[in-house]
Amino acid sequence: MNSNPDICHVCGMTADPVVENVEYHKMYFWFCSGQCRERFVENPALYASKYAPEQKEILKKRTLHLAEPPDEEVAELLTSYLMDLMGVKEVVVEREQLHITYNLLQVTEAQIEEALTEAGLQLDDSWRERLRRAWVHDTEEIELKNLVAKPGSCCNKPPPGSLK
């Protein structure tokens, strides 16, 4: 259990004393950035529980579709901007497609989309793309919640004494 005020509980980097800490179950947790604090607040059990995952990375590769292809200079700025997000491993811009690899334990597609909007870029707003993004948001949320689910008995085993 990490209660060290010098270490970010989400990513393990050095905590920033400027970023507000969080009290959870009478313990305090510190963070290196607002992004890590946000990740913790969304799923505190994922980072504070004894059932927290042993793995440090859950890599996701996604393709986001932009409303229009950015010019070369904007694409370079976009790549740099997204690489500054915690957990983003790779960004490739090809015409109106943005290929991105990221660690789900540190950033979600929803946060990446929010960063794109803040940067002034528009995502493809077709019903198909909105549906795909909503599906990804839900599956990522479910995957994170499943990581902290307590291990239970297996439902695939027959009841005791039924195989005589």
N, C-alpha and C. Protein backbone atom coordinates (compact mmCIF):
# COMPACT_ATOMS: atom_id res chain seq x y z
N MET A 1 0.85 -1.17 0.00
CA MET A 1 0.00 0.00 0.00
C MET A 1 0.89 1.23 0.00
N ASN A 2 0.66 2.15 -0.89
CA ASN A 2 1.48 3.35 -1.00
C ASN A 2 0.86 4.48 -0.21
N SER A 3 1.51 4.91 0.85
CA SER A 3 1.06 6.11 1.55
C SER A 3 2.21 7.10 1.60
N ASN A 4 3.21 6.89 0.76
CA ASN A 4 4.39 7.74 0.69
C ASN A 4 4.04 9.02 -0.05
N PRO A 5 4.19 10.18 0.61
CA PRO A 5 3.84 11.44 -0.05
C PRO A 5 4.80 11.84 -1.17
N ASP A 6 5.88 11.10 -1.36
CA ASP A 6 6.85 11.43 -2.40
C ASP A 6 6.58 10.71 -3.71
N ILE A 7 5.68 9.72 -3.70
CA ILE A 7 5.45 8.88 -4.87
C ILE A 7 3.99 8.97 -5.32
N CYS A 8 3.80 9.13 -6.63
CA CYS A 8 2.45 9.13 -7.21
C CYS A 8 1.92 7.70 -7.17
N HIS A 9 0.73 7.53 -6.64
CA HIS A 9 0.19 6.19 -6.48
C HIS A 9 -0.33 5.59 -7.79
N VAL A 10 -0.54 6.41 -8.80
CA VAL A 10 -1.05 5.90 -10.07
C VAL A 10 0.09 5.43 -10.98
N CYS A 11 1.12 6.26 -11.12
CA CYS A 11 2.18 5.93 -12.08
C CYS A 11 3.54 5.65 -11.45
N GLY A 12 3.71 5.96 -10.17
CA GLY A 12 4.98 5.68 -9.50
C GLY A 12 6.03 6.76 -9.65
N MET A 13 5.70 7.86 -10.33
CA MET A 13 6.66 8.95 -10.48
C MET A 13 6.70 9.79 -9.20
N THR A 14 7.59 10.75 -9.16
CA THR A 14 7.68 11.65 -8.01
C THR A 14 6.44 12.51 -7.92
N ALA A 15 5.84 12.55 -6.74
CA ALA A 15 4.61 13.33 -6.54
C ALA A 15 4.92 14.82 -6.54
N ASP A 16 3.95 15.60 -6.99
CA ASP A 16 4.07 17.06 -7.02
C ASP A 16 3.26 17.60 -5.85
N PRO A 17 3.91 18.32 -4.92
CA PRO A 17 3.18 18.83 -3.75
C PRO A 17 2.10 19.85 -4.11
N VAL A 18 2.13 20.40 -5.32
CA VAL A 18 1.13 21.37 -5.75
C VAL A 18 -0.20 20.67 -6.06
N VAL A 19 -0.14 19.42 -6.52
CA VAL A 19 -1.34 18.68 -6.87
C VAL A 19 -2.03 18.23 -5.58
N GLU A 20 -3.31 18.53 -5.48
CA GLU A 20 -4.08 18.22 -4.27
C GLU A 20 -4.11 16.71 -4.02
N ASN A 21 -3.87 16.33 -2.75
CA ASN A 21 -3.93 14.91 -2.42
C ASN A 21 -5.38 14.48 -2.22
N VAL A 22 -5.60 13.17 -2.09
CA VAL A 22 -6.94 12.62 -1.94
C VAL A 22 -6.97 11.72 -0.71
N GLU A 23 -8.03 11.87 0.10
CA GLU A 23 -8.22 10.96 1.23
C GLU A 23 -9.18 9.86 0.78
N TYR A 24 -8.79 8.62 0.99
CA TYR A 24 -9.61 7.48 0.62
C TYR A 24 -9.46 6.43 1.70
N HIS A 25 -10.55 6.06 2.33
CA HIS A 25 -10.55 5.08 3.43
C HIS A 25 -9.53 5.45 4.52
N LYS A 26 -9.56 6.71 4.92
CA LYS A 26 -8.71 7.26 5.98
C LYS A 26 -7.22 7.17 5.66
N MET A 27 -6.88 7.10 4.36
CA MET A 27 -5.49 7.13 3.91
C MET A 27 -5.37 8.28 2.91
N TYR A 28 -4.19 8.86 2.83
CA TYR A 28 -3.95 9.95 1.89
C TYR A 28 -3.09 9.46 0.74
N PHE A 29 -3.41 9.94 -0.45
CA PHE A 29 -2.68 9.56 -1.65
C PHE A 29 -2.25 10.82 -2.38
N TRP A 30 -1.01 10.79 -2.91
CA TRP A 30 -0.42 11.94 -3.58
C TRP A 30 -0.20 11.60 -5.05
N PHE A 31 -0.08 12.64 -5.88
CA PHE A 31 -0.03 12.44 -7.32
C PHE A 31 0.99 13.37 -7.97
N CYS A 32 1.47 12.95 -9.14
CA CYS A 32 2.44 13.76 -9.88
C CYS A 32 1.76 14.78 -10.78
N SER A 33 0.49 14.55 -11.10
CA SER A 33 -0.21 15.45 -12.03
C SER A 33 -1.71 15.39 -11.78
N GLY A 34 -2.40 16.36 -12.32
CA GLY A 34 -3.85 16.38 -12.24
C GLY A 34 -4.46 15.19 -12.96
N GLN A 35 -3.80 14.74 -14.03
CA GLN A 35 -4.29 13.58 -14.78
C GLN A 35 -4.26 12.33 -13.90
N CYS A 36 -3.17 12.11 -13.17
CA CYS A 36 -3.09 10.94 -12.28
C CYS A 36 -4.11 11.06 -11.15
N ARG A 37 -4.30 12.26 -10.63
CA ARG A 37 -5.29 12.46 -9.57
C ARG A 37 -6.69 12.12 -10.11
N GLU A 38 -6.99 12.56 -11.33
CA GLU A 38 -8.28 12.27 -11.94
C GLU A 38 -8.48 10.76 -12.12
N ARG A 39 -7.43 10.06 -12.57
CA ARG A 39 -7.52 8.60 -12.75
C ARG A 39 -7.83 7.94 -11.41
N PHE A 40 -7.16 8.39 -10.33
CA PHE A 40 -7.37 7.81 -9.01
C PHE A 40 -8.81 8.07 -8.54
N VAL A 41 -9.29 9.29 -8.69
CA VAL A 41 -10.63 9.65 -8.22
C VAL A 41 -11.70 8.84 -8.97
N GLU A 42 -11.48 8.55 -10.25
CA GLU A 42 -12.45 7.78 -11.03
C GLU A 42 -12.52 6.33 -10.59
N ASN A 43 -11.38 5.74 -10.17
CA ASN A 43 -11.31 4.33 -9.77
C ASN A 43 -10.37 4.16 -8.58
N PRO A 44 -10.71 4.69 -7.42
CA PRO A 44 -9.76 4.62 -6.31
C PRO A 44 -9.41 3.20 -5.90
N ALA A 45 -10.36 2.28 -5.96
CA ALA A 45 -10.09 0.90 -5.55
C ALA A 45 -9.04 0.25 -6.45
N LEU A 46 -8.94 0.71 -7.69
CA LEU A 46 -7.97 0.15 -8.62
C LEU A 46 -6.54 0.41 -8.16
N TYR A 47 -6.32 1.52 -7.50
CA TYR A 47 -4.97 1.92 -7.11
C TYR A 47 -4.71 1.76 -5.62
N ALA A 48 -5.76 1.60 -4.81
CA ALA A 48 -5.58 1.55 -3.36
C ALA A 48 -5.89 0.20 -2.74
N SER A 49 -6.50 -0.69 -3.46
CA SER A 49 -6.95 -1.96 -2.92
C SER A 49 -5.84 -2.99 -2.88
N LYS A 50 -6.01 -3.94 -1.95
CA LYS A 50 -5.05 -5.05 -1.94
C LYS A 50 -5.29 -5.94 -3.16
N TYR A 51 -6.44 -5.77 -3.81
CA TYR A 51 -6.74 -6.51 -5.03
C TYR A 51 -6.30 -5.75 -6.28
N ALA A 52 -5.57 -4.65 -6.07
CA ALA A 52 -5.09 -3.86 -7.21
C ALA A 52 -4.26 -4.77 -8.12
N PRO A 53 -4.33 -4.55 -9.40
CA PRO A 53 -3.64 -5.44 -10.33
C PRO A 53 -2.13 -5.40 -10.14
N GLU A 54 -1.53 -6.56 -10.31
CA GLU A 54 -0.07 -6.66 -10.22
C GLU A 54 0.59 -6.04 -11.45
N GLN A 55 -0.10 -6.10 -12.57
CA GLN A 55 0.48 -5.56 -13.79
C GLN A 55 0.54 -4.05 -13.73
N LYS A 56 1.51 -3.49 -14.39
CA LYS A 56 1.70 -2.04 -14.39
C LYS A 56 1.23 -1.41 -15.69
N GLU A 57 0.93 -2.23 -16.70
CA GLU A 57 0.50 -1.69 -17.98
C GLU A 57 -0.60 -2.54 -18.58
N ILE A 58 -1.57 -1.88 -19.14
CA ILE A 58 -2.57 -2.51 -19.99
C ILE A 58 -2.58 -1.67 -21.25
N LEU A 59 -1.81 -2.11 -22.24
CA LEU A 59 -1.66 -1.31 -23.45
C LEU A 59 -2.86 -1.47 -24.37
N LYS A 60 -3.32 -0.34 -24.88
CA LYS A 60 -4.43 -0.29 -25.83
C LYS A 60 -3.94 0.42 -27.08
N LYS A 61 -4.32 -0.10 -28.23
CA LYS A 61 -4.04 0.54 -29.51
C LYS A 61 -5.38 0.92 -30.11
N ARG A 62 -5.56 2.20 -30.36
CA ARG A 62 -6.82 2.68 -30.89
C ARG A 62 -6.56 3.58 -32.11
N THR A 63 -7.58 3.71 -32.94
CA THR A 63 -7.55 4.65 -34.05
C THR A 63 -8.72 5.60 -33.88
N LEU A 64 -8.40 6.87 -33.75
CA LEU A 64 -9.43 7.90 -33.66
C LEU A 64 -9.50 8.59 -35.01
N HIS A 65 -10.71 8.94 -35.41
CA HIS A 65 -10.92 9.60 -36.70
C HIS A 65 -11.21 11.07 -36.47
N LEU A 66 -10.40 11.92 -37.08
CA LEU A 66 -10.59 13.36 -36.99
C LEU A 66 -11.57 13.83 -38.05
N ALA A 67 -12.21 14.96 -37.80
CA ALA A 67 -13.17 15.50 -38.76
C ALA A 67 -12.49 15.85 -40.08
N GLU A 68 -11.24 16.33 -40.01
CA GLU A 68 -10.49 16.66 -41.22
C GLU A 68 -9.01 16.44 -40.95
N PRO A 69 -8.25 16.12 -41.97
CA PRO A 69 -6.82 15.87 -41.75
C PRO A 69 -6.09 17.16 -41.36
N PRO A 70 -5.25 17.09 -40.33
CA PRO A 70 -4.49 18.27 -39.95
C PRO A 70 -3.30 18.46 -40.90
N ASP A 71 -2.85 19.72 -41.04
CA ASP A 71 -1.65 19.93 -41.85
C ASP A 71 -0.44 19.40 -41.07
N GLU A 72 0.70 19.37 -41.73
CA GLU A 72 1.89 18.74 -41.16
C GLU A 72 2.32 19.39 -39.84
N GLU A 73 2.28 20.69 -39.77
CA GLU A 73 2.69 21.40 -38.56
C GLU A 73 1.75 21.09 -37.39
N VAL A 74 0.46 21.08 -37.65
CA VAL A 74 -0.53 20.77 -36.61
C VAL A 74 -0.37 19.32 -36.17
N ALA A 75 -0.10 18.42 -37.11
CA ALA A 75 0.10 17.00 -36.77
C ALA A 75 1.29 16.83 -35.83
N GLU A 76 2.37 17.56 -36.08
CA GLU A 76 3.55 17.48 -35.20
C GLU A 76 3.23 18.02 -33.81
N LEU A 77 2.53 19.15 -33.76
CA LEU A 77 2.13 19.72 -32.47
C LEU A 77 1.19 18.78 -31.73
N LEU A 78 0.26 18.17 -32.45
CA LEU A 78 -0.68 17.23 -31.86
C LEU A 78 0.04 16.02 -31.28
N THR A 79 0.98 15.49 -32.02
CA THR A 79 1.76 14.35 -31.54
C THR A 79 2.49 14.71 -30.26
N SER A 80 3.14 15.84 -30.24
CA SER A 80 3.88 16.30 -29.06
C SER A 80 2.93 16.51 -27.87
N TYR A 81 1.79 17.12 -28.13
CA TYR A 81 0.80 17.40 -27.08
C TYR A 81 0.29 16.10 -26.45
N LEU A 82 -0.05 15.12 -27.29
CA LEU A 82 -0.56 13.85 -26.76
C LEU A 82 0.51 13.03 -26.06
N MET A 83 1.74 13.11 -26.55
CA MET A 83 2.84 12.37 -25.90
C MET A 83 3.12 12.91 -24.50
N ASP A 84 2.72 14.15 -24.23
CA ASP A 84 2.89 14.72 -22.90
C ASP A 84 1.87 14.19 -21.90
N LEU A 85 0.81 13.54 -22.39
CA LEU A 85 -0.16 12.93 -21.48
C LEU A 85 0.48 11.70 -20.82
N MET A 86 0.22 11.53 -19.55
CA MET A 86 0.72 10.38 -18.82
C MET A 86 0.14 9.10 -19.43
N GLY A 87 0.98 8.14 -19.73
CA GLY A 87 0.51 6.84 -20.22
C GLY A 87 0.46 6.70 -21.73
N VAL A 88 0.62 7.80 -22.48
CA VAL A 88 0.60 7.70 -23.94
C VAL A 88 1.97 7.23 -24.40
N LYS A 89 1.99 6.14 -25.17
CA LYS A 89 3.25 5.52 -25.60
C LYS A 89 3.64 5.88 -27.03
N GLU A 90 2.63 5.99 -27.91
CA GLU A 90 2.94 6.25 -29.32
C GLU A 90 1.76 6.97 -29.97
N VAL A 91 2.07 7.92 -30.84
CA VAL A 91 1.05 8.66 -31.59
C VAL A 91 1.53 8.75 -33.04
N VAL A 92 0.66 8.36 -33.96
CA VAL A 92 0.95 8.47 -35.39
C VAL A 92 -0.27 9.09 -36.05
N VAL A 93 -0.04 10.18 -36.79
CA VAL A 93 -1.12 10.86 -37.50
C VAL A 93 -0.98 10.53 -38.99
N GLU A 94 -2.02 9.91 -39.56
CA GLU A 94 -2.08 9.60 -40.99
C GLU A 94 -3.36 10.17 -41.55
N ARG A 95 -3.25 11.23 -42.31
CA ARG A 95 -4.42 11.92 -42.85
C ARG A 95 -5.39 12.24 -41.71
N GLU A 96 -6.63 11.76 -41.77
CA GLU A 96 -7.58 12.07 -40.71
C GLU A 96 -7.61 11.00 -39.62
N GLN A 97 -6.69 10.06 -39.66
CA GLN A 97 -6.63 9.01 -38.65
C GLN A 97 -5.52 9.28 -37.65
N LEU A 98 -5.85 9.08 -36.39
CA LEU A 98 -4.89 9.25 -35.31
C LEU A 98 -4.73 7.89 -34.64
N HIS A 99 -3.57 7.27 -34.83
CA HIS A 99 -3.28 5.96 -34.23
C HIS A 99 -2.54 6.23 -32.92
N ILE A 100 -3.07 5.69 -31.84
CA ILE A 100 -2.50 5.98 -30.53
C ILE A 100 -2.41 4.71 -29.70
N THR A 101 -1.28 4.55 -29.00
CA THR A 101 -1.06 3.45 -28.07
C THR A 101 -0.91 4.05 -26.70
N TYR A 102 -1.64 3.52 -25.71
CA TYR A 102 -1.61 4.09 -24.37
C TYR A 102 -1.83 3.02 -23.30
N ASN A 103 -1.43 3.36 -22.08
CA ASN A 103 -1.59 2.48 -20.93
C ASN A 103 -2.93 2.82 -20.27
N LEU A 104 -3.86 1.90 -20.30
CA LEU A 104 -5.20 2.13 -19.76
C LEU A 104 -5.17 2.42 -18.26
N LEU A 105 -4.16 1.97 -17.55
CA LEU A 105 -4.08 2.25 -16.12
C LEU A 105 -3.74 3.71 -15.84
N GLN A 106 -3.28 4.43 -16.86
CA GLN A 106 -2.90 5.83 -16.66
C GLN A 106 -3.76 6.82 -17.44
N VAL A 107 -4.36 6.40 -18.53
CA VAL A 107 -5.17 7.32 -19.34
C VAL A 107 -6.22 6.50 -20.09
N THR A 108 -7.37 7.10 -20.30
CA THR A 108 -8.44 6.43 -21.06
C THR A 108 -8.64 7.13 -22.39
N GLU A 109 -9.36 6.47 -23.28
CA GLU A 109 -9.65 7.11 -24.56
C GLU A 109 -10.48 8.37 -24.34
N ALA A 110 -11.36 8.35 -23.37
CA ALA A 110 -12.18 9.54 -23.08
C ALA A 110 -11.29 10.73 -22.71
N GLN A 111 -10.24 10.50 -21.92
CA GLN A 111 -9.32 11.58 -21.55
C GLN A 111 -8.54 12.05 -22.77
N ILE A 112 -8.17 11.14 -23.64
CA ILE A 112 -7.45 11.51 -24.86
C ILE A 112 -8.35 12.36 -25.76
N GLU A 113 -9.61 11.95 -25.88
CA GLU A 113 -10.56 12.73 -26.68
C GLU A 113 -10.75 14.13 -26.10
N GLU A 114 -10.81 14.21 -24.77
CA GLU A 114 -10.94 15.51 -24.11
C GLU A 114 -9.72 16.39 -24.41
N ALA A 115 -8.53 15.79 -24.39
CA ALA A 115 -7.31 16.55 -24.70
C ALA A 115 -7.34 17.04 -26.14
N LEU A 116 -7.84 16.23 -27.06
CA LEU A 116 -7.95 16.64 -28.46
C LEU A 116 -8.89 17.83 -28.61
N THR A 117 -10.00 17.79 -27.89
CA THR A 117 -10.97 18.89 -27.93
C THR A 117 -10.35 20.16 -27.36
N GLU A 118 -9.61 20.01 -26.24
CA GLU A 118 -8.94 21.17 -25.66
C GLU A 118 -7.91 21.76 -26.61
N ALA A 119 -7.30 20.91 -27.43
CA ALA A 119 -6.31 21.37 -28.40
C ALA A 119 -6.96 22.00 -29.63
N GLY A 120 -8.29 21.95 -29.70
CA GLY A 120 -8.99 22.59 -30.80
C GLY A 120 -9.25 21.70 -32.00
N LEU A 121 -9.03 20.39 -31.85
CA LEU A 121 -9.29 19.47 -32.96
C LEU A 121 -10.67 18.85 -32.80
N GLN A 122 -11.32 18.62 -33.93
CA GLN A 122 -12.64 18.01 -33.91
C GLN A 122 -12.54 16.57 -34.35
N LEU A 123 -13.22 15.70 -33.59
CA LEU A 123 -13.30 14.30 -33.97
C LEU A 123 -14.42 14.12 -34.99
N ASP A 124 -14.33 13.06 -35.77
CA ASP A 124 -15.40 12.71 -36.70
C ASP A 124 -16.68 12.55 -35.88
N ASP A 125 -17.73 13.25 -36.28
CA ASP A 125 -18.96 13.29 -35.50
C ASP A 125 -20.06 12.43 -36.11
N SER A 126 -19.69 11.50 -36.99
CA SER A 126 -20.71 10.63 -37.59
C SER A 126 -21.29 9.71 -36.52
N TRP A 127 -22.49 9.21 -36.73
CA TRP A 127 -23.13 8.36 -35.73
C TRP A 127 -22.32 7.11 -35.49
N ARG A 128 -21.69 6.58 -36.54
CA ARG A 128 -20.88 5.36 -36.40
C ARG A 128 -19.68 5.60 -35.48
N GLU A 129 -19.00 6.72 -35.64
CA GLU A 129 -17.83 7.03 -34.80
C GLU A 129 -18.24 7.35 -33.37
N ARG A 130 -19.34 8.07 -33.20
CA ARG A 130 -19.82 8.36 -31.84
C ARG A 130 -20.19 7.06 -31.13
N LEU A 131 -20.82 6.12 -31.83
CA LEU A 131 -21.18 4.83 -31.26
C LEU A 131 -19.93 4.04 -30.90
N ARG A 132 -18.94 4.04 -31.80
CA ARG A 132 -17.70 3.31 -31.53
C ARG A 132 -17.00 3.88 -30.30
N ARG A 133 -16.93 5.21 -30.21
CA ARG A 133 -16.27 5.82 -29.05
C ARG A 133 -17.02 5.52 -27.77
N ALA A 134 -18.34 5.55 -27.79
CA ALA A 134 -19.12 5.23 -26.60
C ALA A 134 -18.88 3.78 -26.18
N TRP A 135 -18.81 2.88 -27.14
CA TRP A 135 -18.54 1.47 -26.85
C TRP A 135 -17.16 1.31 -26.21
N VAL A 136 -16.16 2.00 -26.74
CA VAL A 136 -14.80 1.93 -26.17
C VAL A 136 -14.80 2.48 -24.75
N HIS A 137 -15.48 3.60 -24.51
CA HIS A 137 -15.53 4.17 -23.15
C HIS A 137 -16.13 3.16 -22.18
N ASP A 138 -17.23 2.53 -22.57
CA ASP A 138 -17.87 1.55 -21.69
C ASP A 138 -16.98 0.33 -21.44
N THR A 139 -16.37 -0.20 -22.50
CA THR A 139 -15.54 -1.39 -22.31
C THR A 139 -14.31 -1.08 -21.46
N GLU A 140 -13.74 0.11 -21.62
CA GLU A 140 -12.59 0.47 -20.77
C GLU A 140 -13.01 0.60 -19.31
N GLU A 141 -14.15 1.21 -19.07
CA GLU A 141 -14.65 1.36 -17.70
C GLU A 141 -14.92 -0.01 -17.08
N ILE A 142 -15.53 -0.92 -17.83
CA ILE A 142 -15.81 -2.26 -17.34
C ILE A 142 -14.52 -3.01 -17.06
N GLU A 143 -13.55 -2.89 -17.97
CA GLU A 143 -12.26 -3.57 -17.78
C GLU A 143 -11.57 -3.09 -16.51
N LEU A 144 -11.59 -1.79 -16.25
CA LEU A 144 -10.96 -1.26 -15.04
C LEU A 144 -11.70 -1.73 -13.80
N LYS A 145 -13.02 -1.76 -13.84
CA LYS A 145 -13.79 -2.24 -12.68
C LYS A 145 -13.55 -3.72 -12.44
N ASN A 146 -13.40 -4.51 -13.49
CA ASN A 146 -13.14 -5.94 -13.34
C ASN A 146 -11.77 -6.21 -12.72
N LEU A 147 -10.84 -5.30 -12.91
CA LEU A 147 -9.51 -5.49 -12.33
C LEU A 147 -9.54 -5.47 -10.81
N VAL A 148 -10.50 -4.75 -10.23
CA VAL A 148 -10.55 -4.67 -8.76
C VAL A 148 -11.62 -5.57 -8.16
N ALA A 149 -12.33 -6.32 -8.99
CA ALA A 149 -13.33 -7.23 -8.47
C ALA A 149 -12.64 -8.30 -7.64
N LYS A 150 -13.20 -8.57 -6.48
CA LYS A 150 -12.62 -9.59 -5.61
C LYS A 150 -12.78 -10.96 -6.26
N PRO A 151 -11.75 -11.80 -6.18
CA PRO A 151 -11.88 -13.13 -6.76
C PRO A 151 -12.97 -13.91 -6.02
N GLY A 152 -13.84 -14.52 -6.77
CA GLY A 152 -14.92 -15.29 -6.17
C GLY A 152 -14.85 -16.74 -6.60
N SER A 153 -15.84 -17.48 -6.20
CA SER A 153 -15.86 -18.89 -6.58
C SER A 153 -16.21 -18.99 -8.06
N CYS A 154 -15.75 -20.02 -8.66
CA CYS A 154 -15.98 -20.22 -10.10
C CYS A 154 -17.38 -20.76 -10.32
N CYS A 155 -18.06 -20.21 -11.27
CA CYS A 155 -19.43 -20.66 -11.56
C CYS A 155 -19.46 -21.84 -12.53
N ASN A 156 -18.31 -22.23 -13.05
CA ASN A 156 -18.27 -23.32 -14.00
C ASN A 156 -18.08 -24.69 -13.35
N LYS A 157 -17.94 -24.71 -12.04
CA LYS A 157 -17.75 -25.97 -11.33
C LYS A 157 -19.11 -26.52 -10.91
N PRO A 158 -19.30 -27.83 -11.03
CA PRO A 158 -20.57 -28.39 -10.56
C PRO A 158 -20.64 -28.33 -9.03
N PRO A 159 -21.84 -28.31 -8.47
CA PRO A 159 -21.97 -28.31 -7.02
C PRO A 159 -21.31 -29.56 -6.41
N PRO A 160 -20.79 -29.45 -5.21
CA PRO A 160 -20.15 -30.61 -4.57
C PRO A 160 -21.13 -31.76 -4.46
N GLY A 161 -20.65 -32.97 -4.76
CA GLY A 161 -21.46 -34.18 -4.63
C GLY A 161 -22.39 -34.45 -5.79
N SER A 162 -22.36 -33.64 -6.84
CA SER A 162 -23.29 -33.83 -7.95
C SER A 162 -22.74 -34.78 -9.02
N LEU A 163 -21.48 -35.15 -8.94
CA LEU A 163 -20.86 -36.02 -9.96
C LEU A 163 -20.67 -37.44 -9.44
N LYS A 164 -21.66 -38.01 -8.87
CA LYS A 164 -21.53 -39.39 -8.35
C LYS A 164 -21.98 -40.39 -9.36
